[in-house]
Structure formats: C-alpha cells, structure tokens
C-alpha cells in the first residue's frame, strides 16, 4: 500500500432528514463565507453511535429533539473545493419536542422548515449535492431498519 493511501481517512458524518406536515427541517448556516442550506448534520464524536450522533447534531443545530426512525442511506462524497472525503450516513427522524430557548451551534443562522418545492427553488444554496440526494431518498421511500447496524444502535 502506498503512503498516499495509508494517509487517507474519510470524515465520518451523519445527517438527519426530519419531515413534518409536508416540510423538511433544514439549517441555514455559514460555510466558506456563504449562507447555505443543509440538513442537521455533523461529525461523529468518539464513543458515540451513528444514531446518537444524529440525535445530538439535530438538537445542537435546530433545538429539536428527534426520534431516529430509519436509515435512509450512506454516501461517500469528496468536496471539489477541499478534496476532503466524507462518509455520510443519513437517517429519517420524527420531531418530538422543540427547545425554543436553546442556543444553536455558532455557525447556524437559523433552522427552517421548507417544502420540497422551496428546497428546489433554493438548490443553488444547498451545501452539497448530498442534501438534495438525501431528500430524494426520503421521497423515494428508502427506509432501512436501525438494527442494520452492529452493534445495535442506541
């Protein structure tokens, strides 16, 4: 194996699709000096399951407690700008409770509920193609049970 391959480590991230009353929960955030739209998403932390990371990131970025219901899919994405690769696991979640008073992560401007049509109209502002791809997975009915993970997701 070459040194180039031995050094390559993808960033492990999670994203959460929260769908309620015909709208998707997205975050408006600053990325590279630009205002973009994204699912609640972020990096896996040490000693955390993917499901725990998805719940945590959703709460930190939107103030919403969610119940993770299903796996939507996984993708490997390499940023054209940075060359960094991301292994992204996407989940479907149900909104349970909104903590209105909770401060959101510093890079988050606001959380927004948008219809599919509104998201398409804002397509140029999506953080990456993974955002729309994950919504399309939801719309196509992709649902995989959480027991797909081993060890068991919490």
Protein backbone atom coordinates (compact mmCIF):
# COMPACT_ATOMS: atom_id res chain seq x y z
CA UNK A 1 0.00 0.00 0.00
CA UNK A 2 1.37 3.43 -0.91
CA UNK A 3 1.82 6.24 1.62
CA UNK A 4 -0.81 8.25 -0.24
CA UNK A 5 -3.47 5.62 0.50
CA UNK A 6 -2.30 4.97 4.06
CA UNK A 7 -2.85 8.66 4.89
CA UNK A 8 -6.41 8.82 3.50
CA UNK A 9 -9.08 8.85 6.21
CA UNK A 10 -12.63 9.96 5.35
CA UNK A 11 -14.52 12.15 7.80
CA UNK A 12 -17.45 10.22 9.29
CA UNK A 13 -20.59 12.36 9.34
CA UNK A 14 -24.31 11.96 9.92
CA UNK A 15 -27.30 13.83 8.53
CA UNK A 16 -30.91 13.79 9.66
CA UNK A 17 -34.00 14.19 7.49
CA UNK A 18 -36.87 15.44 9.61
CA UNK A 19 -40.15 15.60 7.68
CA UNK A 20 -43.33 17.01 9.18
CA UNK A 21 -46.52 18.43 7.66
CA UNK A 22 -45.07 18.39 4.14
CA UNK A 23 -41.88 20.25 5.11
CA UNK A 24 -38.26 19.35 5.75
CA UNK A 25 -36.22 20.72 8.65
CA UNK A 26 -33.07 22.37 7.31
CA UNK A 27 -30.46 24.63 8.81
CA UNK A 28 -29.20 27.84 7.31
CA UNK A 29 -25.51 28.12 8.09
CA UNK A 30 -22.29 29.80 7.06
CA UNK A 31 -19.87 27.64 5.04
CA UNK A 32 -16.83 29.21 3.45
CA UNK A 33 -18.27 32.69 3.92
CA UNK A 34 -21.53 31.81 2.16
CA UNK A 35 -25.05 31.23 3.52
CA UNK A 36 -26.05 27.66 2.69
CA UNK A 37 -28.83 25.21 3.49
CA UNK A 38 -28.14 21.77 4.93
CA UNK A 39 -29.81 19.01 6.86
CA UNK A 40 -28.91 18.96 10.53
CA UNK A 41 -25.56 17.22 10.16
CA UNK A 42 -22.14 16.87 11.66
CA UNK A 43 -19.22 14.69 12.64
CA UNK A 44 -19.28 11.51 14.67
CA UNK A 45 -17.61 12.00 18.06
CA UNK A 46 -15.55 9.42 19.98
CA UNK A 47 -17.55 6.71 21.80
CA UNK A 48 -20.77 7.73 20.05
CA UNK A 49 -23.00 5.61 17.80
CA UNK A 50 -24.17 6.99 14.47
CA UNK A 51 -27.73 7.21 15.84
CA UNK A 52 -26.56 9.12 18.92
CA UNK A 53 -24.60 11.49 16.69
CA UNK A 54 -27.66 12.14 14.51
CA UNK A 55 -29.83 12.95 17.56
CA UNK A 56 -27.14 15.17 19.08
CA UNK A 57 -26.40 17.10 15.90
CA UNK A 58 -30.11 17.69 15.25
CA UNK A 59 -30.61 19.06 18.77
CA UNK A 60 -27.47 21.22 18.66
CA UNK A 61 -28.26 22.71 15.25
CA UNK A 62 -32.05 23.09 15.41
CA UNK A 63 -33.17 22.83 19.04
CA UNK A 64 -35.36 19.85 18.09
CA UNK A 65 -35.30 16.56 19.98
CA UNK A 66 -35.93 13.78 17.49
CA UNK A 67 -36.54 10.05 17.42
CA UNK A 68 -34.42 8.33 14.79
CA UNK A 69 -36.76 6.01 12.90
CA UNK A 70 -34.81 4.56 9.99
CA UNK A 71 -31.64 4.60 7.97
CA UNK A 72 -32.07 6.38 4.62
CA UNK A 73 -28.67 5.53 3.20
CA UNK A 74 -24.96 6.21 3.15
CA UNK A 75 -22.76 8.00 0.65
CA UNK A 76 -19.15 8.87 0.05
CA UNK A 77 -18.69 12.47 -1.05
CA UNK A 78 -15.43 14.25 -1.88
CA UNK A 79 -15.53 18.04 -1.76
CA UNK A 80 -14.41 19.62 -5.03
CA UNK A 81 -13.18 22.67 -3.08
CA UNK A 82 -11.13 20.95 -0.38
CA UNK A 83 -10.57 17.38 -1.60
CA UNK A 84 -11.79 16.11 1.78
CA UNK A 85 -13.87 12.92 1.67
CA UNK A 86 -16.94 12.42 3.84
CA UNK A 87 -18.61 9.12 4.64
CA UNK A 88 -22.15 10.36 5.36
CA UNK A 89 -24.85 8.22 6.96
CA UNK A 90 -28.35 9.69 6.64
CA UNK A 91 -31.29 9.00 8.91
CA UNK A 92 -35.02 9.67 8.96
CA UNK A 93 -36.31 11.14 12.22
CA UNK A 94 -39.56 12.26 13.79
CA UNK A 95 -39.65 15.66 15.51
CA UNK A 96 -40.59 15.23 19.19
CA UNK A 97 -40.02 18.49 21.06
CA UNK A 98 -38.65 21.91 20.18
CA UNK A 99 -36.47 23.64 22.78
CA UNK A 100 -37.13 27.21 21.63
CA UNK A 101 -34.81 28.69 24.27
CA UNK A 102 -31.84 26.50 23.32
CA UNK A 103 -28.87 28.30 21.76
CA UNK A 104 -27.91 26.80 18.40
CA UNK A 105 -24.36 25.98 17.27
CA UNK A 106 -22.40 29.14 16.47
CA UNK A 107 -22.25 28.58 12.69
CA UNK A 108 -26.03 28.13 12.47
CA UNK A 109 -28.04 31.19 11.45
CA UNK A 110 -31.47 29.58 11.81
CA UNK A 111 -33.44 26.39 11.37
CA UNK A 112 -36.12 26.45 8.68
CA UNK A 113 -39.00 24.19 7.65
CA UNK A 114 -39.13 24.13 3.83
CA UNK A 115 -41.31 22.30 1.34
CA UNK A 116 -39.71 20.19 -1.38
CA UNK A 117 -40.58 22.89 -3.93
CA UNK A 118 -38.93 25.59 -1.79
CA UNK A 119 -35.81 23.44 -1.48
CA UNK A 120 -35.68 23.01 -5.26
CA UNK A 121 -36.03 26.78 -5.67
CA UNK A 122 -33.04 27.23 -3.28
CA UNK A 123 -30.98 24.46 -4.95
CA UNK A 124 -28.05 26.79 -5.65
CA UNK A 125 -27.75 27.42 -1.90
CA UNK A 126 -27.55 23.77 -0.83
CA UNK A 127 -24.29 22.99 0.97
CA UNK A 128 -23.65 19.96 -1.24
CA UNK A 129 -25.44 17.68 -3.66
CA UNK A 130 -25.86 15.26 -0.72
CA UNK A 131 -28.61 17.47 0.74
CA UNK A 132 -31.00 17.02 -2.17
CA UNK A 133 -29.91 13.40 -2.74
CA UNK A 134 -30.91 12.56 0.84
CA UNK A 135 -34.29 14.26 0.44
CA UNK A 136 -34.80 12.31 -2.78
CA UNK A 137 -34.04 9.08 -0.87
CA UNK A 138 -36.80 10.01 1.56
CA UNK A 139 -39.24 10.86 -1.22
CA UNK A 140 -38.47 7.53 -2.96
CA UNK A 141 -39.43 5.64 0.21
CA UNK A 142 -35.98 4.42 1.23
CA UNK A 143 -36.20 3.09 4.78
CA UNK A 144 -33.80 0.60 6.30
CA UNK A 145 -34.21 -0.72 9.85
CA UNK A 146 -31.87 0.58 12.52
CA UNK A 147 -30.92 -2.98 13.51
CA UNK A 148 -28.90 -2.91 10.25
CA UNK A 149 -26.12 -1.57 12.48
CA UNK A 150 -23.97 -3.83 14.55
CA UNK A 151 -23.52 -3.38 17.44
CA UNK A 152 -27.13 -2.45 17.98
CA UNK A 153 -27.87 1.26 17.52
CA UNK A 154 -28.96 3.02 20.69
